[in-house]
PDB file of all heavy atoms in Angstrom:
ATOM      1  N   ASN A   1     -21.530 157.179  93.936  1.00  0.00           N
ATOM      2  CA  ASN A   1     -20.726 158.374  93.917  1.00  0.00           C
ATOM      3  C   ASN A   1     -19.935 158.548  95.217  1.00  0.00           C
ATOM      4  O   ASN A   1     -18.790 158.910  95.299  1.00  0.00           O
ATOM      5  CB  ASN A   1     -21.586 159.707  93.664  1.00  0.00           C
ATOM      6  CG  ASN A   1     -22.060 159.684  92.235  1.00  0.00           C
ATOM      7  OD1 ASN A   1     -21.344 159.166  91.362  1.00  0.00           O
ATOM      8  ND2 ASN A   1     -23.104 160.479  91.967  1.00  0.00           N
ATOM      9  N   ARG A   2     -20.512 158.265  96.298  1.00  0.00           N
ATOM     10  CA  ARG A   2     -19.907 158.266  97.661  1.00  0.00           C
ATOM     11  C   ARG A   2     -18.824 157.285  97.779  1.00  0.00           C
ATOM     12  O   ARG A   2     -17.628 157.642  98.222  1.00  0.00           O
ATOM     13  CB  ARG A   2     -20.989 158.037  98.754  1.00  0.00           C
ATOM     14  CG  ARG A   2     -20.377 158.073 100.161  1.00  0.00           C
ATOM     15  CD  ARG A   2     -21.481 158.138 101.246  1.00  0.00           C
ATOM     16  NE  ARG A   2     -20.960 157.836 102.503  1.00  0.00           N
ATOM     17  CZ  ARG A   2     -20.396 158.790 103.288  1.00  0.00           C
ATOM     18  NH1 ARG A   2     -20.121 159.955 102.869  1.00  0.00           N
ATOM     19  NH2 ARG A   2     -19.924 158.506 104.524  1.00  0.00           N
ATOM     20  N   ILE A   3     -19.042 156.090  97.340  1.00  0.00           N
ATOM     21  CA  ILE A   3     -18.017 155.040  97.384  1.00  0.00           C
ATOM     22  C   ILE A   3     -16.815 155.466  96.529  1.00  0.00           C
ATOM     23  O   ILE A   3     -15.612 155.298  96.933  1.00  0.00           O
ATOM     24  CB  ILE A   3     -18.579 153.656  96.933  1.00  0.00           C
ATOM     25  CG1 ILE A   3     -19.541 153.239  97.928  1.00  0.00           C
ATOM     26  CG2 ILE A   3     -17.431 152.671  96.599  1.00  0.00           C
ATOM     27  CD1 ILE A   3     -20.340 151.988  97.506  1.00  0.00           C
ATOM     28  N   PHE A   4     -17.188 155.987  95.292  1.00  0.00           N
ATOM     29  CA  PHE A   4     -16.111 156.448  94.440  1.00  0.00           C
ATOM     30  C   PHE A   4     -15.314 157.588  95.083  1.00  0.00           C
ATOM     31  O   PHE A   4     -14.043 157.512  95.020  1.00  0.00           O
ATOM     32  CB  PHE A   4     -16.693 156.788  93.039  1.00  0.00           C
ATOM     33  CG  PHE A   4     -15.589 157.381  92.041  1.00  0.00           C
ATOM     34  CD1 PHE A   4     -14.979 156.496  91.310  1.00  0.00           C
ATOM     35  CD2 PHE A   4     -15.302 158.810  92.040  1.00  0.00           C
ATOM     36  CE1 PHE A   4     -13.904 156.982  90.453  1.00  0.00           C
ATOM     37  CE2 PHE A   4     -14.327 159.082  91.209  1.00  0.00           C
ATOM     38  CZ  PHE A   4     -13.646 158.250  90.343  1.00  0.00           C
ATOM     39  N   SER A   5     -15.948 158.473  95.593  1.00  0.00           N
ATOM     40  CA  SER A   5     -15.292 159.654  96.230  1.00  0.00           C
ATOM     41  C   SER A   5     -14.386 159.276  97.399  1.00  0.00           C
ATOM     42  O   SER A   5     -13.299 159.748  97.572  1.00  0.00           O
ATOM     43  CB  SER A   5     -16.248 160.641  96.669  1.00  0.00           C
ATOM     44  OG  SER A   5     -16.961 161.242  95.559  1.00  0.00           O
ATOM     45  N   LEU A   6     -14.831 158.360  98.204  1.00  0.00           N
ATOM     46  CA  LEU A   6     -14.183 157.901  99.457  1.00  0.00           C
ATOM     47  C   LEU A   6     -13.129 156.888  99.216  1.00  0.00           C
ATOM     48  O   LEU A   6     -12.106 156.748  99.942  1.00  0.00           O
ATOM     49  CB  LEU A   6     -15.173 157.435 100.504  1.00  0.00           C
ATOM     50  CG  LEU A   6     -16.110 158.450 101.059  1.00  0.00           C
ATOM     51  CD1 LEU A   6     -17.144 157.791 101.955  1.00  0.00           C
ATOM     52  CD2 LEU A   6     -15.316 159.556 101.731  1.00  0.00           C
ATOM     53  N   LYS A   7     -13.291 155.972  98.376  1.00  0.00           N
ATOM     54  CA  LYS A   7     -12.410 154.811  98.096  1.00  0.00           C
ATOM     55  C   LYS A   7     -11.540 154.757  96.841  1.00  0.00           C
ATOM     56  O   LYS A   7     -10.433 154.420  96.797  1.00  0.00           O
ATOM     57  CB  LYS A   7     -13.258 153.501  98.237  1.00  0.00           C
ATOM     58  CG  LYS A   7     -14.000 153.422  99.584  1.00  0.00           C
ATOM     59  CD  LYS A   7     -13.973 152.063 100.009  1.00  0.00           C
ATOM     60  CE  LYS A   7     -14.679 151.994 101.465  1.00  0.00           C
ATOM     61  NZ  LYS A   7     -14.015 151.508 102.475  1.00  0.00           N
ATOM     62  N   VAL A   8     -12.266 155.019  95.732  1.00  0.00           N
ATOM     63  CA  VAL A   8     -11.583 154.854  94.439  1.00  0.00           C
ATOM     64  C   VAL A   8     -10.744 156.211  94.182  1.00  0.00           C
ATOM     65  O   VAL A   8      -9.575 156.116  93.734  1.00  0.00           O
ATOM     66  CB  VAL A   8     -12.553 154.679  93.393  1.00  0.00           C
ATOM     67  CG1 VAL A   8     -11.926 154.511  91.929  1.00  0.00           C
ATOM     68  CG2 VAL A   8     -13.403 153.325  93.671  1.00  0.00           C
ATOM     69  N   LEU A   9     -11.370 157.358  94.194  1.00  0.00           N
ATOM     70  CA  LEU A   9     -10.641 158.617  93.785  1.00  0.00           C
ATOM     71  C   LEU A   9      -9.318 158.811  94.486  1.00  0.00           C
ATOM     72  O   LEU A   9      -8.315 159.117  93.942  1.00  0.00           O
ATOM     73  CB  LEU A   9     -11.571 159.830  93.987  1.00  0.00           C
ATOM     74  CG  LEU A   9     -11.080 161.200  93.410  1.00  0.00           C
ATOM     75  CD1 LEU A   9     -10.662 160.988  91.904  1.00  0.00           C
ATOM     76  CD2 LEU A   9     -12.035 162.188  93.684  1.00  0.00           C
ATOM     77  N   PRO A  10      -9.267 158.628  95.908  1.00  0.00           N
ATOM     78  CA  PRO A  10      -8.040 158.686  96.551  1.00  0.00           C
ATOM     79  C   PRO A  10      -6.961 157.873  95.991  1.00  0.00           C
ATOM     80  O   PRO A  10      -5.766 158.155  95.918  1.00  0.00           O
ATOM     81  CB  PRO A  10      -8.278 158.449  97.911  1.00  0.00           C
ATOM     82  CG  PRO A  10      -9.787 158.756  98.093  1.00  0.00           C
ATOM     83  CD  PRO A  10     -10.410 158.359  96.785  1.00  0.00           C
ATOM     84  N   LEU A  11      -7.282 156.659  95.746  1.00  0.00           N
ATOM     85  CA  LEU A  11      -6.413 155.549  95.153  1.00  0.00           C
ATOM     86  C   LEU A  11      -5.939 155.995  93.800  1.00  0.00           C
ATOM     87  O   LEU A  11      -4.720 155.963  93.516  1.00  0.00           O
ATOM     88  CB  LEU A  11      -7.042 154.270  95.113  1.00  0.00           C
ATOM     89  CG  LEU A  11      -6.222 153.148  94.386  1.00  0.00           C
ATOM     90  CD1 LEU A  11      -5.033 152.868  95.408  1.00  0.00           C
ATOM     91  CD2 LEU A  11      -7.081 151.916  94.164  1.00  0.00           C
ATOM     92  N   LEU A  12      -6.798 156.477  92.938  1.00  0.00           N
ATOM     93  CA  LEU A  12      -6.415 156.998  91.526  1.00  0.00           C
ATOM     94  C   LEU A  12      -5.475 158.178  91.741  1.00  0.00           C
ATOM     95  O   LEU A  12      -4.437 158.319  90.982  1.00  0.00           O
ATOM     96  CB  LEU A  12      -7.563 157.412  90.818  1.00  0.00           C
ATOM     97  CG  LEU A  12      -8.535 156.415  90.332  1.00  0.00           C
ATOM     98  CD1 LEU A  12      -9.748 156.975  89.676  1.00  0.00           C
ATOM     99  CD2 LEU A  12      -7.925 155.437  89.328  1.00  0.00           C
ATOM    100  N   LYS A  13      -5.616 159.082  92.727  1.00  0.00           N
ATOM    101  CA  LYS A  13      -4.765 160.297  92.807  1.00  0.00           C
ATOM    102  C   LYS A  13      -3.415 159.888  93.305  1.00  0.00           C
ATOM    103  O   LYS A  13      -2.402 160.459  92.801  1.00  0.00           O
ATOM    104  CB  LYS A  13      -5.362 161.177  93.917  1.00  0.00           C
ATOM    105  CG  LYS A  13      -6.610 161.969  93.369  1.00  0.00           C
ATOM    106  CD  LYS A  13      -7.192 162.831  94.533  1.00  0.00           C
ATOM    107  CE  LYS A  13      -8.212 163.730  94.026  1.00  0.00           C
ATOM    108  NZ  LYS A  13      -8.808 164.577  95.172  1.00  0.00           N
ATOM    109  N   VAL A  14      -3.343 158.828  94.174  1.00  0.00           N
ATOM    110  CA  VAL A  14      -1.958 158.501  94.662  1.00  0.00           C
ATOM    111  C   VAL A  14      -1.255 157.577  93.585  1.00  0.00           C
ATOM    112  O   VAL A  14      -0.031 157.761  93.407  1.00  0.00           O
ATOM    113  CB  VAL A  14      -2.207 157.698  95.995  1.00  0.00           C
ATOM    114  CG1 VAL A  14      -0.853 157.035  96.437  1.00  0.00           C
ATOM    115  CG2 VAL A  14      -2.685 158.527  97.146  1.00  0.00           C
ATOM    116  N   LYS A  15      -1.918 156.610  93.077  1.00  0.00           N
ATOM    117  CA  LYS A  15      -1.340 155.703  92.138  1.00  0.00           C
ATOM    118  C   LYS A  15      -1.357 155.909  90.643  1.00  0.00           C
ATOM    119  O   LYS A  15      -0.466 155.349  89.966  1.00  0.00           O
ATOM    120  CB  LYS A  15      -1.950 154.278  92.429  1.00  0.00           C
ATOM    121  CG  LYS A  15      -1.816 153.753  93.800  1.00  0.00           C
ATOM    122  CD  LYS A  15      -0.481 153.236  94.011  1.00  0.00           C
ATOM    123  CE  LYS A  15      -0.211 152.655  95.459  1.00  0.00           C
ATOM    124  NZ  LYS A  15       0.981 152.214  95.764  1.00  0.00           N
ATOM    125  N   CYS A  16      -2.343 156.628  90.144  1.00  0.00           N
ATOM    126  CA  CYS A  16      -2.511 156.686  88.707  1.00  0.00           C
ATOM    127  C   CYS A  16      -2.398 158.143  88.033  1.00  0.00           C
ATOM    128  O   CYS A  16      -1.848 158.225  86.935  1.00  0.00           O
ATOM    129  CB  CYS A  16      -3.874 156.118  88.404  1.00  0.00           C
ATOM    130  SG  CYS A  16      -4.238 154.475  89.156  1.00  0.00           S
ATOM    131  N   PHE A  17      -2.960 159.092  88.736  1.00  0.00           N
ATOM    132  CA  PHE A  17      -3.009 160.459  88.103  1.00  0.00           C
ATOM    133  C   PHE A  17      -1.730 161.007  87.722  1.00  0.00           C
ATOM    134  O   PHE A  17      -1.622 161.837  86.866  1.00  0.00           O
ATOM    135  CB  PHE A  17      -3.806 161.380  88.934  1.00  0.00           C
ATOM    136  CG  PHE A  17      -5.299 161.194  88.828  1.00  0.00           C
ATOM    137  CD1 PHE A  17      -6.060 162.009  89.710  1.00  0.00           C
ATOM    138  CD2 PHE A  17      -5.901 160.400  88.016  1.00  0.00           C
ATOM    139  CE1 PHE A  17      -7.501 161.888  89.652  1.00  0.00           C
ATOM    140  CE2 PHE A  17      -7.206 160.182  87.927  1.00  0.00           C
ATOM    141  CZ  PHE A  17      -8.043 161.007  88.762  1.00  0.00           C
ATOM    142  N   GLY A  18      -0.603 160.673  88.329  1.00  0.00           N
ATOM    143  CA  GLY A  18       0.620 161.198  88.011  1.00  0.00           C
ATOM    144  C   GLY A  18       1.073 161.068  86.484  1.00  0.00           C
ATOM    145  O   GLY A  18       1.652 161.835  85.897  1.00  0.00           O
ATOM    146  N   CYS A  19       0.671 159.867  86.015  1.00  0.00           N
ATOM    147  CA  CYS A  19       0.963 159.539  84.577  1.00  0.00           C
ATOM    148  C   CYS A  19      -0.269 159.582  83.758  1.00  0.00           C
ATOM    149  O   CYS A  19      -0.193 159.719  82.448  1.00  0.00           O
ATOM    150  CB  CYS A  19       1.566 158.051  84.479  1.00  0.00           C
ATOM    151  SG  CYS A  19       3.114 157.924  85.378  1.00  0.00           S
ATOM    152  N   HIS A  20      -1.376 159.492  84.227  1.00  0.00           N
ATOM    153  CA  HIS A  20      -2.529 159.345  83.434  1.00  0.00           C
ATOM    154  C   HIS A  20      -3.732 160.139  83.842  1.00  0.00           C
ATOM    155  O   HIS A  20      -4.913 159.897  83.801  1.00  0.00           O
ATOM    156  CB  HIS A  20      -3.172 157.858  83.489  1.00  0.00           C
ATOM    157  CG  HIS A  20      -2.142 156.916  83.206  1.00  0.00           C
ATOM    158  ND1 HIS A  20      -1.747 156.550  81.797  1.00  0.00           N
ATOM    159  CD2 HIS A  20      -1.401 155.971  83.809  1.00  0.00           C
ATOM    160  CE1 HIS A  20      -0.831 155.732  81.783  1.00  0.00           C
ATOM    161  NE2 HIS A  20      -0.599 155.324  82.967  1.00  0.00           N
ATOM    162  N   GLY A  21      -3.310 161.538  84.215  1.00  0.00           N
ATOM    163  CA  GLY A  21      -4.452 162.383  84.556  1.00  0.00           C
ATOM    164  C   GLY A  21      -4.119 163.684  85.140  1.00  0.00           C
ATOM    165  O   GLY A  21      -4.889 164.582  85.092  1.00  0.00           O
ATOM    166  N   GLN A  22      -2.898 163.783  85.775  1.00  0.00           N
ATOM    167  CA  GLN A  22      -2.632 165.100  86.386  1.00  0.00           C
ATOM    168  C   GLN A  22      -2.554 166.268  85.450  1.00  0.00           C
ATOM    169  O   GLN A  22      -3.031 167.352  85.692  1.00  0.00           O
ATOM    170  CB  GLN A  22      -1.334 164.902  87.201  1.00  0.00           C
ATOM    171  CG  GLN A  22      -1.064 166.095  88.144  1.00  0.00           C
ATOM    172  CD  GLN A  22      -0.002 165.687  89.177  1.00  0.00           C
ATOM    173  OE1 GLN A  22       0.362 164.576  89.280  1.00  0.00           O
ATOM    174  NE2 GLN A  22       0.742 166.766  89.624  1.00  0.00           N
ATOM    175  N   ASP A  23      -1.850 166.079  84.277  1.00  0.00           N
ATOM    176  CA  ASP A  23      -1.741 167.029  83.244  1.00  0.00           C
ATOM    177  C   ASP A  23      -2.373 166.484  81.971  1.00  0.00           C
ATOM    178  O   ASP A  23      -1.741 165.565  81.317  1.00  0.00           O
ATOM    179  CB  ASP A  23      -0.236 167.327  83.080  1.00  0.00           C
ATOM    180  CG  ASP A  23       0.121 168.421  82.068  1.00  0.00           C
ATOM    181  OD1 ASP A  23      -1.009 168.877  81.367  1.00  0.00           O
ATOM    182  OD2 ASP A  23       1.217 168.854  81.869  1.00  0.00           O
ATOM    183  N   PRO A  24      -3.440 167.011  81.526  1.00  0.00           N
ATOM    184  CA  PRO A  24      -4.047 166.567  80.253  1.00  0.00           C
ATOM    185  C   PRO A  24      -3.190 166.599  79.072  1.00  0.00           C
ATOM    186  O   PRO A  24      -3.378 165.789  78.055  1.00  0.00           O
ATOM    187  CB  PRO A  24      -5.327 167.473  80.091  1.00  0.00           C
ATOM    188  CG  PRO A  24      -5.325 168.288  81.238  1.00  0.00           C
ATOM    189  CD  PRO A  24      -4.090 168.113  82.059  1.00  0.00           C
ATOM    190  N   ASN A  25      -2.130 167.418  79.033  1.00  0.00           N
ATOM    191  CA  ASN A  25      -1.360 167.579  77.909  1.00  0.00           C
ATOM    192  C   ASN A  25      -0.053 166.661  77.983  1.00  0.00           C
ATOM    193  O   ASN A  25       0.832 166.538  77.081  1.00  0.00           O
ATOM    194  CB  ASN A  25      -0.716 169.004  77.779  1.00  0.00           C
ATOM    195  CG  ASN A  25      -1.906 169.922  77.529  1.00  0.00           C
ATOM    196  OD1 ASN A  25      -2.762 169.711  76.677  1.00  0.00           O
ATOM    197  ND2 ASN A  25      -1.948 171.140  78.185  1.00  0.00           N
ATOM    198  N   ASP A  26       0.101 165.871  79.168  1.00  0.00           N
ATOM    199  CA  ASP A  26       1.123 164.942  79.279  1.00  0.00           C
ATOM    200  C   ASP A  26       0.733 163.657  79.928  1.00  0.00           C
ATOM    201  O   ASP A  26       0.920 163.285  80.982  1.00  0.00           O
ATOM    202  CB  ASP A  26       2.231 165.581  80.275  1.00  0.00           C
ATOM    203  CG  ASP A  26       3.434 164.730  80.437  1.00  0.00           C
ATOM    204  OD1 ASP A  26       3.723 163.981  79.515  1.00  0.00           O
ATOM    205  OD2 ASP A  26       4.075 164.907  81.616  1.00  0.00           O
ATOM    206  N   VAL A  27      -0.043 162.875  79.046  1.00  0.00           N
ATOM    207  CA  VAL A  27      -0.674 161.697  79.523  1.00  0.00           C
ATOM    208  C   VAL A  27       0.149 160.539  78.828  1.00  0.00           C
ATOM    209  O   VAL A  27       0.289 160.532  77.614  1.00  0.00           O
ATOM    210  CB  VAL A  27      -2.151 161.610  79.065  1.00  0.00           C
ATOM    211  CG1 VAL A  27      -2.775 160.205  79.351  1.00  0.00           C
ATOM    212  CG2 VAL A  27      -2.937 162.663  79.808  1.00  0.00           C
ATOM    213  N   ARG A  28       0.547 159.545  79.592  1.00  0.00           N
ATOM    214  CA  ARG A  28       1.412 158.531  79.141  1.00  0.00           C
ATOM    215  C   ARG A  28       0.453 157.474  78.364  1.00  0.00           C
ATOM    216  O   ARG A  28      -0.679 157.121  78.897  1.00  0.00           O
ATOM    217  CB  ARG A  28       2.164 157.790  80.223  1.00  0.00           C
ATOM    218  CG  ARG A  28       3.198 158.547  80.810  1.00  0.00           C
ATOM    219  CD  ARG A  28       4.042 157.763  81.686  1.00  0.00           C
ATOM    220  NE  ARG A  28       5.088 158.627  82.273  1.00  0.00           N
ATOM    221  CZ  ARG A  28       5.839 158.272  83.229  1.00  0.00           C
ATOM    222  NH1 ARG A  28       5.850 157.010  83.725  1.00  0.00           N
ATOM    223  NH2 ARG A  28       6.800 159.087  83.770  1.00  0.00           N
ATOM    224  N   ASP A  29       0.924 156.808  77.386  1.00  0.00           N
ATOM    225  CA  ASP A  29       0.275 155.760  76.676  1.00  0.00           C
ATOM    226  C   ASP A  29      -1.152 156.048  76.125  1.00  0.00           C
ATOM    227  O   ASP A  29      -1.870 155.195  75.999  1.00  0.00           O
ATOM    228  CB  ASP A  29       0.280 154.493  77.524  1.00  0.00           C
ATOM    229  CG  ASP A  29       1.630 154.091  77.951  1.00  0.00           C
ATOM    230  OD1 ASP A  29       2.572 154.243  77.076  1.00  0.00           O
ATOM    231  OD2 ASP A  29       1.747 153.590  79.127  1.00  0.00           O
ATOM    232  N   ASP A  30      -1.407 157.394  75.910  1.00  0.00           N
ATOM    233  CA  ASP A  30      -2.649 157.777  75.538  1.00  0.00           C
ATOM    234  C   ASP A  30      -3.840 157.286  76.348  1.00  0.00           C
ATOM    235  O   ASP A  30      -4.904 156.930  75.879  1.00  0.00           O
ATOM    236  CB  ASP A  30      -2.983 157.355  73.886  1.00  0.00           C
ATOM    237  CG  ASP A  30      -1.993 158.072  73.094  1.00  0.00           C
ATOM    238  OD1 ASP A  30      -1.769 159.222  73.240  1.00  0.00           O
ATOM    239  OD2 ASP A  30      -1.673 157.428  72.016  1.00  0.00           O
ATOM    240  N   TYR A  31      -3.542 157.057  77.614  1.00  0.00           N
ATOM    241  CA  TYR A  31      -4.525 156.486  78.564  1.00  0.00           C
ATOM    242  C   TYR A  31      -4.766 157.569  79.651  1.00  0.00           C
ATOM    243  O   TYR A  31      -3.981 157.854  80.469  1.00  0.00           O
ATOM    244  CB  TYR A  31      -4.145 155.135  79.221  1.00  0.00           C
ATOM    245  CG  TYR A  31      -5.129 154.604  80.171  1.00  0.00           C
ATOM    246  CD1 TYR A  31      -6.395 154.317  79.625  1.00  0.00           C
ATOM    247  CD2 TYR A  31      -4.818 154.201  81.392  1.00  0.00           C
ATOM    248  CE1 TYR A  31      -7.353 153.799  80.404  1.00  0.00           C
ATOM    249  CE2 TYR A  31      -5.756 153.709  82.246  1.00  0.00           C
ATOM    250  CZ  TYR A  31      -6.990 153.491  81.796  1.00  0.00           C
ATOM    251  OH  TYR A  31      -8.014 152.876  82.545  1.00  0.00           O
ATOM    252  N   THR A  32      -5.910 158.219  79.536  1.00  0.00           N
ATOM    253  CA  THR A  32      -6.396 159.321  80.443  1.00  0.00           C
ATOM    254  C   THR A  32      -7.481 158.807  81.396  1.00  0.00           C
ATOM    255  O   THR A  32      -8.327 158.182  81.079  1.00  0.00           O
ATOM    256  CB  THR A  32      -6.845 160.555  79.711  1.00  0.00           C
ATOM    257  OG1 THR A  32      -7.107 161.587  80.609  1.00  0.00           O
ATOM    258  CG2 THR A  32      -7.996 160.374  78.916  1.00  0.00           C
ATOM    259  N   LEU A  33      -7.309 159.188  82.644  1.00  0.00           N
ATOM    260  CA  LEU A  33      -8.274 158.850  83.695  1.00  0.00           C
ATOM    261  C   LEU A  33      -9.118 160.117  84.064  1.00  0.00           C
ATOM    262  O   LEU A  33      -9.802 160.078  85.016  1.00  0.00           O
ATOM    263  CB  LEU A  33      -7.517 158.212  84.877  1.00  0.00           C
ATOM    264  CG  LEU A  33      -6.785 157.050  84.659  1.00  0.00           C
ATOM    265  CD1 LEU A  33      -6.001 156.706  85.980  1.00  0.00           C
ATOM    266  CD2 LEU A  33      -7.709 155.893  84.337  1.00  0.00           C
ATOM    267  N   LEU A  34      -9.011 161.160  83.286  1.00  0.00           N
ATOM    268  CA  LEU A  34      -9.698 162.483  83.501  1.00  0.00           C
ATOM    269  C   LEU A  34     -11.184 162.266  83.060  1.00  0.00           C
ATOM    270  O   LEU A  34     -11.978 162.937  83.656  1.00  0.00           O
ATOM    271  CB  LEU A  34      -8.960 163.507  82.834  1.00  0.00           C
ATOM    272  CG  LEU A  34      -7.715 163.811  83.267  1.00  0.00           C
ATOM    273  CD1 LEU A  34      -7.071 164.937  82.423  1.00  0.00           C
ATOM    274  CD2 LEU A  34      -7.701 164.214  84.708  1.00  0.00           C
ATOM    275  N   THR A  35     -11.502 161.369  82.235  1.00  0.00           N
ATOM    276  CA  THR A  35     -12.897 161.325  81.809  1.00  0.00           C
ATOM    277  C   THR A  35     -13.302 159.752  81.679  1.00  0.00           C
ATOM    278  O   THR A  35     -12.534 158.861  81.573  1.00  0.00           O
ATOM    279  CB  THR A  35     -13.168 161.854  80.422  1.00  0.00           C
ATOM    280  OG1 THR A  35     -12.434 161.012  79.390  1.00  0.00           O
ATOM    281  CG2 THR A  35     -12.656 163.210  80.240  1.00  0.00           C
ATOM    282  N   ARG A  36     -14.545 159.544  81.850  1.00  0.00           N
ATOM    283  CA  ARG A  36     -15.142 158.168  81.756  1.00  0.00           C
ATOM    284  C   ARG A  36     -14.793 157.622  80.376  1.00  0.00           C
ATOM    285  O   ARG A  36     -14.421 156.440  80.178  1.00  0.00           O
ATOM    286  CB  ARG A  36     -16.661 158.190  81.923  1.00  0.00           C
ATOM    287  CG  ARG A  36     -17.176 156.855  81.980  1.00  0.00           C
ATOM    288  CD  ARG A  36     -18.757 156.902  82.321  1.00  0.00           C
ATOM    289  NE  ARG A  36     -19.291 155.530  82.587  1.00  0.00           N
ATOM    290  CZ  ARG A  36     -19.758 154.756  81.535  1.00  0.00           C
ATOM    291  NH1 ARG A  36     -19.790 155.235  80.278  1.00  0.00           N
ATOM    292  NH2 ARG A  36     -20.337 153.594  81.843  1.00  0.00           N
ATOM    293  N   GLU A  37     -14.916 158.397  79.306  1.00  0.00           N
ATOM    294  CA  GLU A  37     -14.614 157.982  78.028  1.00  0.00           C
ATOM    295  C   GLU A  37     -13.158 157.531  77.844  1.00  0.00           C
ATOM    296  O   GLU A  37     -12.826 156.520  77.208  1.00  0.00           O
ATOM    297  CB  GLU A  37     -14.978 159.059  77.001  1.00  0.00           C
ATOM    298  CG  GLU A  37     -16.498 159.408  76.749  1.00  0.00           C
ATOM    299  CD  GLU A  37     -16.995 160.235  77.923  1.00  0.00           C
ATOM    300  OE1 GLU A  37     -16.230 160.888  78.648  1.00  0.00           O
ATOM    301  OE2 GLU A  37     -18.266 160.154  78.163  1.00  0.00           O
ATOM    302  N   GLY A  38     -12.273 158.222  78.464  1.00  0.00           N
ATOM    303  CA  GLY A  38     -10.925 157.923  78.421  1.00  0.00           C
ATOM    304  C   GLY A  38     -10.604 156.587  79.100  1.00  0.00           C
ATOM    305  O   GLY A  38      -9.755 155.790  78.676  1.00  0.00           O
ATOM    306  N   MET A  39     -11.268 156.425  80.288  1.00  0.00           N
ATOM    307  CA  MET A  39     -11.102 155.121  80.971  1.00  0.00           C
ATOM    308  C   MET A  39     -11.570 153.915  80.235  1.00  0.00           C
ATOM    309  O   MET A  39     -11.029 152.870  80.146  1.00  0.00           O
ATOM    310  CB  MET A  39     -11.854 155.203  82.260  1.00  0.00           C
ATOM    311  CG  MET A  39     -11.167 156.176  83.300  1.00  0.00           C
ATOM    312  SD  MET A  39     -12.205 156.087  84.867  1.00  0.00           S
ATOM    313  CE  MET A  39     -11.632 157.695  85.577  1.00  0.00           C
ATOM    314  N   LEU A  40     -12.741 154.106  79.509  1.00  0.00           N
ATOM    315  CA  LEU A  40     -13.325 153.014  78.745  1.00  0.00           C
ATOM    316  C   LEU A  40     -12.537 152.751  77.469  1.00  0.00           C
ATOM    317  O   LEU A  40     -12.431 151.625  77.019  1.00  0.00           O
ATOM    318  CB  LEU A  40     -14.792 153.323  78.324  1.00  0.00           C
ATOM    319  CG  LEU A  40     -15.791 153.395  79.514  1.00  0.00           C
ATOM    320  CD1 LEU A  40     -17.103 153.868  79.042  1.00  0.00           C
ATOM    321  CD2 LEU A  40     -15.820 152.046  80.116  1.00  0.00           C
ATOM    322  N   LYS A  41     -11.924 153.777  76.891  1.00  0.00           N
ATOM    323  CA  LYS A  41     -11.152 153.626  75.693  1.00  0.00           C
ATOM    324  C   LYS A  41      -9.905 152.744  75.910  1.00  0.00           C
ATOM    325  O   LYS A  41      -9.479 151.929  75.083  1.00  0.00           O
ATOM    326  CB  LYS A  41     -10.790 155.003  75.072  1.00  0.00           C
ATOM    327  CG  LYS A  41      -9.987 154.865  73.872  1.00  0.00           C
ATOM    328  CD  LYS A  41      -9.611 156.347  73.408  1.00  0.00           C
ATOM    329  CE  LYS A  41      -8.481 156.252  72.356  1.00  0.00           C
ATOM    330  NZ  LYS A  41      -7.524 157.392  72.336  1.00  0.00           N
ATOM    331  N   GLY A  42      -9.202 153.066  76.925  1.00  0.00           N
ATOM    332  CA  GLY A  42      -7.960 152.421  77.320  1.00  0.00           C
ATOM    333  C   GLY A  42      -6.855 153.145  76.655  1.00  0.00           C
ATOM    334  O   GLY A  42      -7.018 154.193  76.166  1.00  0.00           O
ATOM    335  N   GLY A  43      -5.699 152.470  76.657  1.00  0.00           N
ATOM    336  CA  GLY A  43      -4.497 153.069  76.117  1.00  0.00           C
ATOM    337  C   GLY A  43      -3.881 152.351  74.940  1.00  0.00           C
ATOM    338  O   GLY A  43      -4.607 151.605  74.258  1.00  0.00           O
ATOM    339  N   GLU A  44      -2.539 152.400  74.933  1.00  0.00           N
ATOM    340  CA  GLU A  44      -1.911 151.712  73.896  1.00  0.00           C
ATOM    341  C   GLU A  44      -1.892 150.225  74.025  1.00  0.00           C
ATOM    342  O   GLU A  44      -1.732 149.441  73.077  1.00  0.00           O
ATOM    343  CB  GLU A  44      -0.447 152.145  73.821  1.00  0.00           C
ATOM    344  CG  GLU A  44      -0.276 153.612  73.412  1.00  0.00           C
ATOM    345  CD  GLU A  44       1.159 154.079  73.331  1.00  0.00           C
ATOM    346  OE1 GLU A  44       1.999 153.305  73.737  1.00  0.00           O
ATOM    347  OE2 GLU A  44       1.331 155.295  72.896  1.00  0.00           O
ATOM    348  N   SER A  45      -2.069 149.671  75.221  1.00  0.00           N
ATOM    349  CA  SER A  45      -2.077 148.203  75.381  1.00  0.00           C
ATOM    350  C   SER A  45      -3.407 147.691  74.989  1.00  0.00           C
ATOM    351  O   SER A  45      -4.437 148.518  74.771  1.00  0.00           O
ATOM    352  CB  SER A  45      -1.738 147.888  76.868  1.00  0.00           C
ATOM    353  OG  SER A  45      -2.794 148.380  77.681  1.00  0.00           O
TER     354      SER A  45
END
């Protein structure tokens, strides 16, 4: 959890959440990073 909070989460916020997590009603390619289930499911690809 510490590694995720310090290293992974900041990267997701900068590079990914704009299209895949910032707004749950506006997620591109049906790929959400807001939940573990969404990450495991993947998107349209």
